[in-house]
Amino acid sequence: MRILAIHSDYINFEPTKKALKSAEDVEKKKEGMKDCLVVFSSVEKVDEKNVDGTVAKLVDEIKNIIKQVKTNRIVLYPYAHLSSELANPKTAVEVLEKAEKLLKEDFEVLRAPFGWYKKFEIKCKGHPLAELSREFTAVNSKPTGEKERKEGSEFNKFFLISSKGDVEEITEKDWKNAKLWKSKEQRVGMLHHFVRNEIAGNIAKAAPKHVELMRKLELYDYVPESDVGNLRCYPNGALIFDLLKDYTLYNSALKLGCMKLYNPLMFDPEDKIIQELVS
């Protein structure tokens, strides 16, 4: 779970439109609180494994911050933009409702409605502890009966496909012995690094060089409103991207019998399968 806590002179908010079909039924009225700690909250997918533990940690974190900023008023504000790995709406509401109930035992608490677009106005107090972020999880161990797995070993099947169309299945134990690695081609070497990272979980300690270069050459950049896998293409980057797509399509994919297709860009977020994919 992720939270952003803002010690505020005030916050005012008003629901404007439902963002989810499962949004809470509330009256469209303006609400607010003065001299309060506003806790913007994102319940994450991993939190579904231990809801009560997540609630307990959330309450503890808020109480710790409350002690530092010295207020007894709290606003719980659901805010999906803190994470790209969100829990399903039912779990998110459950976490916030339970946290609200526990916090009300000691504090004055206001919870903003879940599943709504809201307009809001906030004034941060601006002292050194006025803006604090926290990230935590209550999942510290695997469920009973499930073997501990190291990072990068979660796949079931992994296949290598050469430019000639040869297919070779590899496993966590024998991937280093794949026949494809005998090739001296540069692109095969790059593929080797990719497979190693996927299987062995070899994560770079510093930002890769290509991140610096893509920005310096004004090719691509990250989009704060999206996850890290979705990049913004600037004109030169868009050209390179299109050329690579065409090269791959006409020099490899079509020759291997692949077919081109398009999927919709918009889906119903309430569909069960879509929820599982995006959360």
C-alpha atoms as a PDB file:
ATOM      1  CA  MET A   1       0.000   0.000   0.000  1.00  0.00           C
ATOM      2  CA  ARG A   2       1.101   3.567  -0.647  1.00  0.00           C
ATOM      3  CA  ILE A   3       0.050   6.756   1.081  1.00  0.00           C
ATOM      4  CA  LEU A   4       0.834  10.453   0.772  1.00  0.00           C
ATOM      5  CA  ALA A   5       0.085  12.324   4.004  1.00  0.00           C
ATOM      6  CA  ILE A   6      -0.408  16.091   3.817  1.00  0.00           C
ATOM      7  CA  HIS A   7      -0.737  18.123   7.015  1.00  0.00           C
ATOM      8  CA  SER A   8      -3.218  20.731   5.872  1.00  0.00           C
ATOM      9  CA  ASP A   9      -4.882  23.929   6.954  1.00  0.00           C
ATOM     10  CA  TYR A  10      -7.945  22.566   5.169  1.00  0.00           C
ATOM     11  CA  ILE A  11      -9.258  20.311   2.427  1.00  0.00           C
ATOM     12  CA  ASN A  12     -12.564  20.650   0.599  1.00  0.00           C
ATOM     13  CA  PHE A  13     -13.834  18.086  -1.893  1.00  0.00           C
ATOM     14  CA  GLU A  14     -16.977  17.301  -3.840  1.00  0.00           C
ATOM     15  CA  PRO A  15     -17.881  14.165  -5.877  1.00  0.00           C
ATOM     16  CA  THR A  16     -18.667  15.048  -9.492  1.00  0.00           C
ATOM     17  CA  LYS A  17     -19.082  11.798 -11.440  1.00  0.00           C
ATOM     18  CA  LYS A  18     -18.764   8.067 -10.872  1.00  0.00           C
ATOM     19  CA  ALA A  19     -15.449   6.661 -12.114  1.00  0.00           C
ATOM     20  CA  LEU A  20     -16.499   3.048 -11.459  1.00  0.00           C
ATOM     21  CA  LYS A  21     -19.822   1.259 -11.704  1.00  0.00           C
ATOM     22  CA  SER A  22     -19.115  -0.111  -8.241  1.00  0.00           C
ATOM     23  CA  ALA A  23     -18.589   3.367  -6.765  1.00  0.00           C
ATOM     24  CA  GLU A  24     -20.106   4.007  -3.359  1.00  0.00           C
ATOM     25  CA  ASP A  25     -23.581   5.516  -3.329  1.00  0.00           C
ATOM     26  CA  VAL A  26     -23.114   8.993  -1.908  1.00  0.00           C
ATOM     27  CA  GLU A  27     -24.769  12.360  -2.165  1.00  0.00           C
ATOM     28  CA  LYS A  28     -22.994  14.872  -4.387  1.00  0.00           C
ATOM     29  CA  LYS A  29     -22.246  17.397  -1.716  1.00  0.00           C
ATOM     30  CA  LYS A  30     -19.236  19.442  -0.694  1.00  0.00           C
ATOM     31  CA  GLU A  31     -17.385  18.197   2.371  1.00  0.00           C
ATOM     32  CA  GLY A  32     -14.208  19.193   4.100  1.00  0.00           C
ATOM     33  CA  MET A  33     -12.147  19.471   7.245  1.00  0.00           C
ATOM     34  CA  LYS A  34      -9.820  22.056   8.776  1.00  0.00           C
ATOM     35  CA  ASP A  35      -6.454  21.569  10.485  1.00  0.00           C
ATOM     36  CA  CYS A  36      -6.194  17.923   9.483  1.00  0.00           C
ATOM     37  CA  LEU A  37      -3.944  15.183   8.134  1.00  0.00           C
ATOM     38  CA  VAL A  38      -5.072  14.281   4.612  1.00  0.00           C
ATOM     39  CA  VAL A  39      -4.029  10.726   3.761  1.00  0.00           C
ATOM     40  CA  PHE A  40      -4.102  10.074   0.011  1.00  0.00           C
ATOM     41  CA  SER A  41      -4.197   6.277  -0.274  1.00  0.00           C
ATOM     42  CA  SER A  42      -3.665   3.577  -2.908  1.00  0.00           C
ATOM     43  CA  VAL A  43      -4.447  -0.006  -1.904  1.00  0.00           C
ATOM     44  CA  GLU A  44      -2.323  -2.336  -4.032  1.00  0.00           C
ATOM     45  CA  LYS A  45      -2.759  -5.796  -5.525  1.00  0.00           C
ATOM     46  CA  VAL A  46      -0.386  -7.387  -3.011  1.00  0.00           C
ATOM     47  CA  ASP A  47      -2.560  -6.075  -0.158  1.00  0.00           C
ATOM     48  CA  GLU A  48      -5.360  -8.438  -1.207  1.00  0.00           C
ATOM     49  CA  LYS A  49      -3.375 -11.297   0.359  1.00  0.00           C
ATOM     50  CA  ASN A  50      -3.654  -9.851   3.867  1.00  0.00           C
ATOM     51  CA  VAL A  51      -6.394  -7.263   4.219  1.00  0.00           C
ATOM     52  CA  ASP A  52      -6.462  -7.108   8.019  1.00  0.00           C
ATOM     53  CA  GLY A  53      -2.674  -6.885   8.193  1.00  0.00           C
ATOM     54  CA  THR A  54      -2.725  -4.039   5.686  1.00  0.00           C
ATOM     55  CA  VAL A  55      -5.369  -2.212   7.717  1.00  0.00           C
ATOM     56  CA  ALA A  56      -3.284  -2.589  10.869  1.00  0.00           C
ATOM     57  CA  LYS A  57      -0.170  -1.230   9.171  1.00  0.00           C
ATOM     58  CA  LEU A  58      -2.105   1.664   7.641  1.00  0.00           C
ATOM     59  CA  VAL A  59      -3.538   2.640  11.025  1.00  0.00           C
ATOM     60  CA  ASP A  60      -0.099   2.381  12.668  1.00  0.00           C
ATOM     61  CA  GLU A  61       1.527   4.545   9.985  1.00  0.00           C
ATOM     62  CA  ILE A  62      -1.171   7.200  10.296  1.00  0.00           C
ATOM     63  CA  LYS A  63      -0.912   7.230  14.088  1.00  0.00           C
ATOM     64  CA  ASN A  64       2.862   7.641  13.868  1.00  0.00           C
ATOM     65  CA  ILE A  65       2.472  10.624  11.560  1.00  0.00           C
ATOM     66  CA  ILE A  66      -0.285  12.073  13.748  1.00  0.00           C
ATOM     67  CA  LYS A  67       2.112  12.081  16.707  1.00  0.00           C
ATOM     68  CA  GLN A  68       4.623  14.081  14.680  1.00  0.00           C
ATOM     69  CA  VAL A  69       2.275  16.724  13.288  1.00  0.00           C
ATOM     70  CA  LYS A  70       0.081  16.927  16.396  1.00  0.00           C
ATOM     71  CA  THR A  71      -3.476  16.920  15.086  1.00  0.00           C
ATOM     72  CA  ASN A  72      -6.509  14.772  15.871  1.00  0.00           C
ATOM     73  CA  ARG A  73      -8.334  15.157  12.558  1.00  0.00           C
ATOM     74  CA  ILE A  74      -7.843  12.747   9.653  1.00  0.00           C
ATOM     75  CA  VAL A  75      -9.191  12.653   6.100  1.00  0.00           C
ATOM     76  CA  LEU A  76      -8.881   9.306   4.294  1.00  0.00           C
ATOM     77  CA  TYR A  77      -8.799  10.107   0.593  1.00  0.00           C
ATOM     78  CA  PRO A  78      -8.682   7.222  -1.943  1.00  0.00           C
ATOM     79  CA  TYR A  79      -6.169   8.184  -4.621  1.00  0.00           C
ATOM     80  CA  ALA A  80      -5.443   5.623  -7.337  1.00  0.00           C
ATOM     81  CA  HIS A  81      -2.605   7.646  -8.884  1.00  0.00           C
ATOM     82  CA  LEU A  82      -0.016   6.590  -6.300  1.00  0.00           C
ATOM     83  CA  SER A  83       0.357   3.102  -7.786  1.00  0.00           C
ATOM     84  CA  SER A  84       0.067   1.188 -11.060  1.00  0.00           C
ATOM     85  CA  GLU A  85      -0.637  -2.110  -9.253  1.00  0.00           C
ATOM     86  CA  LEU A  86      -4.029  -1.400  -7.709  1.00  0.00           C
ATOM     87  CA  ALA A  87      -6.125  -3.820  -5.691  1.00  0.00           C
ATOM     88  CA  ASN A  88      -9.639  -4.633  -6.853  1.00  0.00           C
ATOM     89  CA  PRO A  89     -12.214  -2.014  -5.796  1.00  0.00           C
ATOM     90  CA  LYS A  90     -13.900  -4.299  -3.254  1.00  0.00           C
ATOM     91  CA  THR A  91     -10.648  -4.846  -1.350  1.00  0.00           C
ATOM     92  CA  ALA A  92      -9.707  -1.166  -1.520  1.00  0.00           C
ATOM     93  CA  VAL A  93     -13.016  -0.091   0.018  1.00  0.00           C
ATOM     94  CA  GLU A  94     -12.736  -2.793   2.681  1.00  0.00           C
ATOM     95  CA  VAL A  95      -9.282  -1.579   3.734  1.00  0.00           C
ATOM     96  CA  LEU A  96     -10.366   2.060   3.938  1.00  0.00           C
ATOM     97  CA  GLU A  97     -13.612   1.294   5.782  1.00  0.00           C
ATOM     98  CA  LYS A  98     -11.862  -0.841   8.391  1.00  0.00           C
ATOM     99  CA  ALA A  99      -9.130   1.754   8.851  1.00  0.00           C
ATOM    100  CA  GLU A 100     -11.767   4.459   9.262  1.00  0.00           C
ATOM    101  CA  LYS A 101     -13.553   2.437  11.949  1.00  0.00           C
ATOM    102  CA  LEU A 102     -10.351   1.851  13.936  1.00  0.00           C
ATOM    103  CA  LEU A 103      -9.139   5.438  13.661  1.00  0.00           C
ATOM    104  CA  LYS A 104     -12.505   6.812  14.788  1.00  0.00           C
ATOM    105  CA  GLU A 105     -11.868   5.264  18.197  1.00  0.00           C
ATOM    106  CA  ASP A 106      -9.270   7.974  18.875  1.00  0.00           C
ATOM    107  CA  PHE A 107      -9.629  10.640  16.192  1.00  0.00           C
ATOM    108  CA  GLU A 108     -12.099  12.680  14.183  1.00  0.00           C
ATOM    109  CA  VAL A 109     -12.160  10.982  10.767  1.00  0.00           C
ATOM    110  CA  LEU A 110     -13.680  11.887   7.409  1.00  0.00           C
ATOM    111  CA  ARG A 111     -13.459   9.450   4.486  1.00  0.00           C
ATOM    112  CA  ALA A 112     -13.828  10.662   0.902  1.00  0.00           C
ATOM    113  CA  PRO A 113     -16.020   8.428  -1.307  1.00  0.00           C
ATOM    114  CA  PHE A 114     -14.365   5.668  -3.317  1.00  0.00           C
ATOM    115  CA  GLY A 115     -14.861   5.282  -7.065  1.00  0.00           C
ATOM    116  CA  TRP A 116     -15.724   8.911  -7.841  1.00  0.00           C
ATOM    117  CA  TYR A 117     -14.110  11.710  -9.759  1.00  0.00           C
ATOM    118  CA  LYS A 118     -13.808  14.537  -7.270  1.00  0.00           C
ATOM    119  CA  LYS A 119     -12.823  18.155  -7.380  1.00  0.00           C
ATOM    120  CA  PHE A 120     -10.846  19.191  -4.349  1.00  0.00           C
ATOM    121  CA  GLU A 121      -8.988  22.104  -2.845  1.00  0.00           C
ATOM    122  CA  ILE A 122      -6.226  21.648  -0.280  1.00  0.00           C
ATOM    123  CA  LYS A 123      -3.832  23.961   1.543  1.00  0.00           C
ATOM    124  CA  CYS A 124      -0.646  22.356   2.842  1.00  0.00           C
ATOM    125  CA  LYS A 125       0.838  23.831   6.033  1.00  0.00           C
ATOM    126  CA  GLY A 126       4.318  23.764   4.518  1.00  0.00           C
ATOM    127  CA  HIS A 127       6.441  22.794   7.506  1.00  0.00           C
ATOM    128  CA  PRO A 128       9.191  20.110   7.227  1.00  0.00           C
ATOM    129  CA  LEU A 129       6.821  17.264   8.162  1.00  0.00           C
ATOM    130  CA  ALA A 130       3.818  18.540   6.228  1.00  0.00           C
ATOM    131  CA  GLU A 131       4.359  16.166   3.295  1.00  0.00           C
ATOM    132  CA  LEU A 132       5.239  12.557   4.049  1.00  0.00           C
ATOM    133  CA  SER A 133       4.965   9.447   1.884  1.00  0.00           C
ATOM    134  CA  ARG A 134       4.913   5.831   2.985  1.00  0.00           C
ATOM    135  CA  GLU A 135       4.989   2.478   1.204  1.00  0.00           C
ATOM    136  CA  PHE A 136       4.325  -0.751   3.089  1.00  0.00           C
ATOM    137  CA  THR A 137       2.886  -4.248   2.840  1.00  0.00           C
ATOM    138  CA  ALA A 138       1.617  -6.792   5.338  1.00  0.00           C
ATOM    139  CA  VAL A 139       2.714  -9.688   3.148  1.00  0.00           C
ATOM    140  CA  ASN A 140       6.071 -10.838   4.492  1.00  0.00           C
ATOM    141  CA  SER A 141       5.856 -14.556   3.775  1.00  0.00           C
ATOM    142  CA  LYS A 142       4.342 -16.965   1.307  1.00  0.00           C
ATOM    143  CA  PRO A 143       1.058 -18.743   2.127  1.00  0.00           C
ATOM    144  CA  THR A 144       1.431 -22.105   3.849  1.00  0.00           C
ATOM    145  CA  GLY A 145       2.310 -24.874   1.404  1.00  0.00           C
ATOM    146  CA  GLU A 146       3.714 -22.529  -1.243  1.00  0.00           C
ATOM    147  CA  LYS A 147       7.427 -22.823  -1.904  1.00  0.00           C
ATOM    148  CA  GLU A 148       9.567 -19.742  -1.538  1.00  0.00           C
ATOM    149  CA  ARG A 149      10.592 -18.487  -4.969  1.00  0.00           C
ATOM    150  CA  LYS A 150      13.368 -16.112  -5.767  1.00  0.00           C
ATOM    151  CA  GLU A 151      12.691 -13.001  -7.819  1.00  0.00           C
ATOM    152  CA  GLY A 152      12.547 -13.701 -11.531  1.00  0.00           C
ATOM    153  CA  SER A 153      11.578 -17.388 -11.242  1.00  0.00           C
ATOM    154  CA  GLU A 154       7.801 -17.039 -11.458  1.00  0.00           C
ATOM    155  CA  PHE A 155       7.363 -18.127 -15.096  1.00  0.00           C
ATOM    156  CA  ASN A 156       5.883 -21.490 -16.087  1.00  0.00           C
ATOM    157  CA  LYS A 157       7.248 -21.859 -19.605  1.00  0.00           C
ATOM    158  CA  PHE A 158       9.852 -19.896 -21.539  1.00  0.00           C
ATOM    159  CA  PHE A 159      10.557 -20.275 -25.267  1.00  0.00           C
ATOM    160  CA  LEU A 160      13.341 -18.903 -27.441  1.00  0.00           C
ATOM    161  CA  ILE A 161      12.505 -18.314 -31.097  1.00  0.00           C
ATOM    162  CA  SER A 162      15.348 -17.679 -33.517  1.00  0.00           C
ATOM    163  CA  SER A 163      15.130 -15.436 -36.580  1.00  0.00           C
ATOM    164  CA  LYS A 164      14.841 -18.654 -38.641  1.00  0.00           C
ATOM    165  CA  GLY A 165      11.776 -19.736 -36.714  1.00  0.00           C
ATOM    166  CA  ASP A 166      13.456 -22.435 -34.617  1.00  0.00           C
ATOM    167  CA  VAL A 167      11.711 -22.854 -31.267  1.00  0.00           C
ATOM    168  CA  GLU A 168      13.501 -24.015 -28.129  1.00  0.00           C
ATOM    169  CA  GLU A 169      11.958 -24.358 -24.682  1.00  0.00           C
ATOM    170  CA  ILE A 170      14.195 -23.423 -21.764  1.00  0.00           C
ATOM    171  CA  THR A 171      13.835 -23.785 -18.013  1.00  0.00           C
ATOM    172  CA  GLU A 172      15.248 -22.081 -14.969  1.00  0.00           C
ATOM    173  CA  LYS A 173      17.883 -24.819 -14.662  1.00  0.00           C
ATOM    174  CA  ASP A 174      19.028 -25.265 -18.269  1.00  0.00           C
ATOM    175  CA  TRP A 175      18.564 -21.845 -19.913  1.00  0.00           C
ATOM    176  CA  LYS A 176      22.327 -21.251 -20.027  1.00  0.00           C
ATOM    177  CA  ASN A 177      22.746 -24.299 -22.293  1.00  0.00           C
ATOM    178  CA  ALA A 178      20.340 -23.149 -25.005  1.00  0.00           C
ATOM    179  CA  LYS A 179      21.567 -23.825 -28.553  1.00  0.00           C
ATOM    180  CA  LEU A 180      20.805 -20.263 -29.608  1.00  0.00           C
ATOM    181  CA  TRP A 181      23.610 -18.903 -27.403  1.00  0.00           C
ATOM    182  CA  LYS A 182      26.193 -20.499 -29.725  1.00  0.00           C
ATOM    183  CA  SER A 183      25.487 -17.725 -32.225  1.00  0.00           C
ATOM    184  CA  LYS A 184      27.944 -14.813 -32.154  1.00  0.00           C
ATOM    185  CA  GLU A 185      25.383 -12.270 -33.388  1.00  0.00           C
ATOM    186  CA  GLN A 186      25.162  -9.105 -31.335  1.00  0.00           C
ATOM    187  CA  ARG A 187      21.380  -9.334 -31.082  1.00  0.00           C
ATOM    188  CA  VAL A 188      21.658 -12.845 -29.647  1.00  0.00           C
ATOM    189  CA  GLY A 189      23.988 -11.476 -26.990  1.00  0.00           C
ATOM    190  CA  MET A 190      21.410  -8.821 -26.147  1.00  0.00           C
ATOM    191  CA  LEU A 191      18.723 -11.510 -25.967  1.00  0.00           C
ATOM    192  CA  HIS A 192      20.950 -13.482 -23.593  1.00  0.00           C
ATOM    193  CA  HIS A 193      21.064 -10.494 -21.217  1.00  0.00           C
ATOM    194  CA  PHE A 194      17.295 -10.134 -21.409  1.00  0.00           C
ATOM    195  CA  VAL A 195      16.659 -13.818 -20.648  1.00  0.00           C
ATOM    196  CA  ARG A 196      19.167 -13.736 -17.798  1.00  0.00           C
ATOM    197  CA  ASN A 197      17.362 -10.776 -16.244  1.00  0.00           C
ATOM    198  CA  GLU A 198      13.963 -12.431 -16.638  1.00  0.00           C
ATOM    199  CA  ILE A 199      15.036 -15.739 -15.117  1.00  0.00           C
ATOM    200  CA  ALA A 200      17.762 -14.840 -12.645  1.00  0.00           C
ATOM    201  CA  GLY A 201      16.229 -11.550 -11.569  1.00  0.00           C
ATOM    202  CA  ASN A 202      19.407  -9.650 -12.372  1.00  0.00           C
ATOM    203  CA  ILE A 203      18.327  -6.087 -11.658  1.00  0.00           C
ATOM    204  CA  ALA A 204      20.666  -3.220 -12.406  1.00  0.00           C
ATOM    205  CA  LYS A 205      21.855  -1.209  -9.402  1.00  0.00           C
ATOM    206  CA  ALA A 206      21.944   2.026 -11.399  1.00  0.00           C
ATOM    207  CA  ALA A 207      19.794   3.454 -14.177  1.00  0.00           C
ATOM    208  CA  PRO A 208      20.715   1.832 -17.522  1.00  0.00           C
ATOM    209  CA  LYS A 209      22.714   3.952 -19.963  1.00  0.00           C
ATOM    210  CA  HIS A 210      19.870   3.901 -22.478  1.00  0.00           C
ATOM    211  CA  VAL A 211      17.672   5.924 -20.096  1.00  0.00           C
ATOM    212  CA  GLU A 212      20.174   8.792 -20.202  1.00  0.00           C
ATOM    213  CA  LEU A 213      20.586   8.485 -23.979  1.00  0.00           C
ATOM    214  CA  MET A 214      16.887   8.348 -24.829  1.00  0.00           C
ATOM    215  CA  ARG A 215      16.396  11.623 -22.960  1.00  0.00           C
ATOM    216  CA  LYS A 216      19.538  13.288 -24.271  1.00  0.00           C
ATOM    217  CA  LEU A 217      18.580  12.469 -27.877  1.00  0.00           C
ATOM    218  CA  GLU A 218      14.942  13.413 -27.216  1.00  0.00           C
ATOM    219  CA  LEU A 219      13.669  10.019 -28.351  1.00  0.00           C
ATOM    220  CA  TYR A 220      11.521   8.826 -25.448  1.00  0.00           C
ATOM    221  CA  ASP A 221      10.657   9.663 -21.867  1.00  0.00           C
ATOM    222  CA  TYR A 222       8.580   8.307 -19.028  1.00  0.00           C
ATOM    223  CA  VAL A 223       4.991   9.412 -18.477  1.00  0.00           C
ATOM    224  CA  PRO A 224       4.245  10.129 -14.788  1.00  0.00           C
ATOM    225  CA  GLU A 225       0.533   9.443 -15.316  1.00  0.00           C
ATOM    226  CA  SER A 226       1.230   5.904 -16.602  1.00  0.00           C
ATOM    227  CA  ASP A 227       3.374   2.951 -15.532  1.00  0.00           C
ATOM    228  CA  VAL A 228       7.075   2.706 -16.356  1.00  0.00           C
ATOM    229  CA  GLY A 229       6.485   0.336 -19.269  1.00  0.00           C
ATOM    230  CA  ASN A 230       4.622   2.969 -21.276  1.00  0.00           C
ATOM    231  CA  LEU A 231       6.872   5.598 -22.819  1.00  0.00           C
ATOM    232  CA  ARG A 232       6.129   8.832 -24.615  1.00  0.00           C
ATOM    233  CA  CYS A 233       7.596   8.862 -28.139  1.00  0.00           C
ATOM    234  CA  TYR A 234       8.924  12.197 -29.373  1.00  0.00           C
ATOM    235  CA  PRO A 235       9.118  12.735 -33.177  1.00  0.00           C
ATOM    236  CA  ASN A 236      12.513  11.056 -33.644  1.00  0.00           C
ATOM    237  CA  GLY A 237      11.551   8.269 -31.270  1.00  0.00           C
ATOM    238  CA  ALA A 238       8.245   7.726 -33.065  1.00  0.00           C
ATOM    239  CA  LEU A 239      10.109   7.392 -36.369  1.00  0.00           C
ATOM    240  CA  ILE A 240      12.504   4.805 -34.929  1.00  0.00           C
ATOM    241  CA  PHE A 241       9.619   2.935 -33.318  1.00  0.00           C
ATOM    242  CA  ASP A 242       7.670   2.752 -36.596  1.00  0.00           C
ATOM    243  CA  LEU A 243      10.750   1.650 -38.548  1.00  0.00           C
ATOM    244  CA  LEU A 244      11.450  -1.128 -36.055  1.00  0.00           C
ATOM    245  CA  LYS A 245       7.838  -2.298 -36.240  1.00  0.00           C
ATOM    246  CA  ASP A 246       7.934  -2.404 -40.032  1.00  0.00           C
ATOM    247  CA  TYR A 247      11.306  -4.172 -40.078  1.00  0.00           C
ATOM    248  CA  THR A 248      10.118  -6.802 -37.615  1.00  0.00           C
ATOM    249  CA  LEU A 249       6.821  -7.305 -39.416  1.00  0.00           C
ATOM    250  CA  TYR A 250       8.130  -7.651 -42.965  1.00  0.00           C
ATOM    251  CA  ASN A 251      11.506  -9.285 -42.293  1.00  0.00           C
ATOM    252  CA  SER A 252      10.566 -11.729 -39.563  1.00  0.00           C
ATOM    253  CA  ALA A 253       6.956 -11.968 -38.418  1.00  0.00           C
ATOM    254  CA  LEU A 254       5.184 -12.406 -41.763  1.00  0.00           C
ATOM    255  CA  LYS A 255       7.839 -14.833 -42.992  1.00  0.00           C
ATOM    256  CA  LEU A 256       7.218 -16.977 -39.907  1.00  0.00           C
ATOM    257  CA  GLY A 257       3.495 -17.095 -40.628  1.00  0.00           C
ATOM    258  CA  CYS A 258       2.438 -14.463 -38.107  1.00  0.00           C
ATOM    259  CA  MET A 259      -0.574 -12.283 -38.865  1.00  0.00           C
ATOM    260  CA  LYS A 260      -1.152  -8.641 -38.061  1.00  0.00           C
ATOM    261  CA  LEU A 261      -4.164  -7.666 -35.954  1.00  0.00           C
ATOM    262  CA  TYR A 262      -5.433  -4.805 -33.816  1.00  0.00           C
ATOM    263  CA  ASN A 263      -7.087  -4.952 -30.399  1.00  0.00           C
ATOM    264  CA  PRO A 264      -9.384  -2.298 -28.922  1.00  0.00           C
ATOM    265  CA  LEU A 265      -7.717   0.463 -26.929  1.00  0.00           C
ATOM    266  CA  MET A 266     -10.651   0.790 -24.549  1.00  0.00           C
ATOM    267  CA  PHE A 267     -12.115  -1.907 -22.313  1.00  0.00           C
ATOM    268  CA  ASP A 268     -14.762  -2.102 -19.600  1.00  0.00           C
ATOM    269  CA  PRO A 269     -12.837  -1.702 -16.292  1.00  0.00           C
ATOM    270  CA  GLU A 270     -15.626  -3.596 -14.490  1.00  0.00           C
ATOM    271  CA  ASP A 271     -15.045  -6.781 -16.520  1.00  0.00           C
ATOM    272  CA  LYS A 272     -13.650  -9.476 -14.202  1.00  0.00           C
ATOM    273  CA  ILE A 273     -10.859 -10.553 -16.557  1.00  0.00           C
ATOM    274  CA  ILE A 274      -9.828  -6.942 -17.240  1.00  0.00           C
ATOM    275  CA  GLN A 275      -9.698  -6.232 -13.498  1.00  0.00           C
ATOM    276  CA  GLU A 276      -7.377  -9.207 -12.986  1.00  0.00           C
ATOM    277  CA  LEU A 277      -5.077  -7.999 -15.760  1.00  0.00           C
ATOM    278  CA  VAL A 278      -4.800  -4.375 -14.671  1.00  0.00           C
ATOM    279  CA  SER A 279      -4.674  -4.982 -10.921  1.00  0.00           C
END
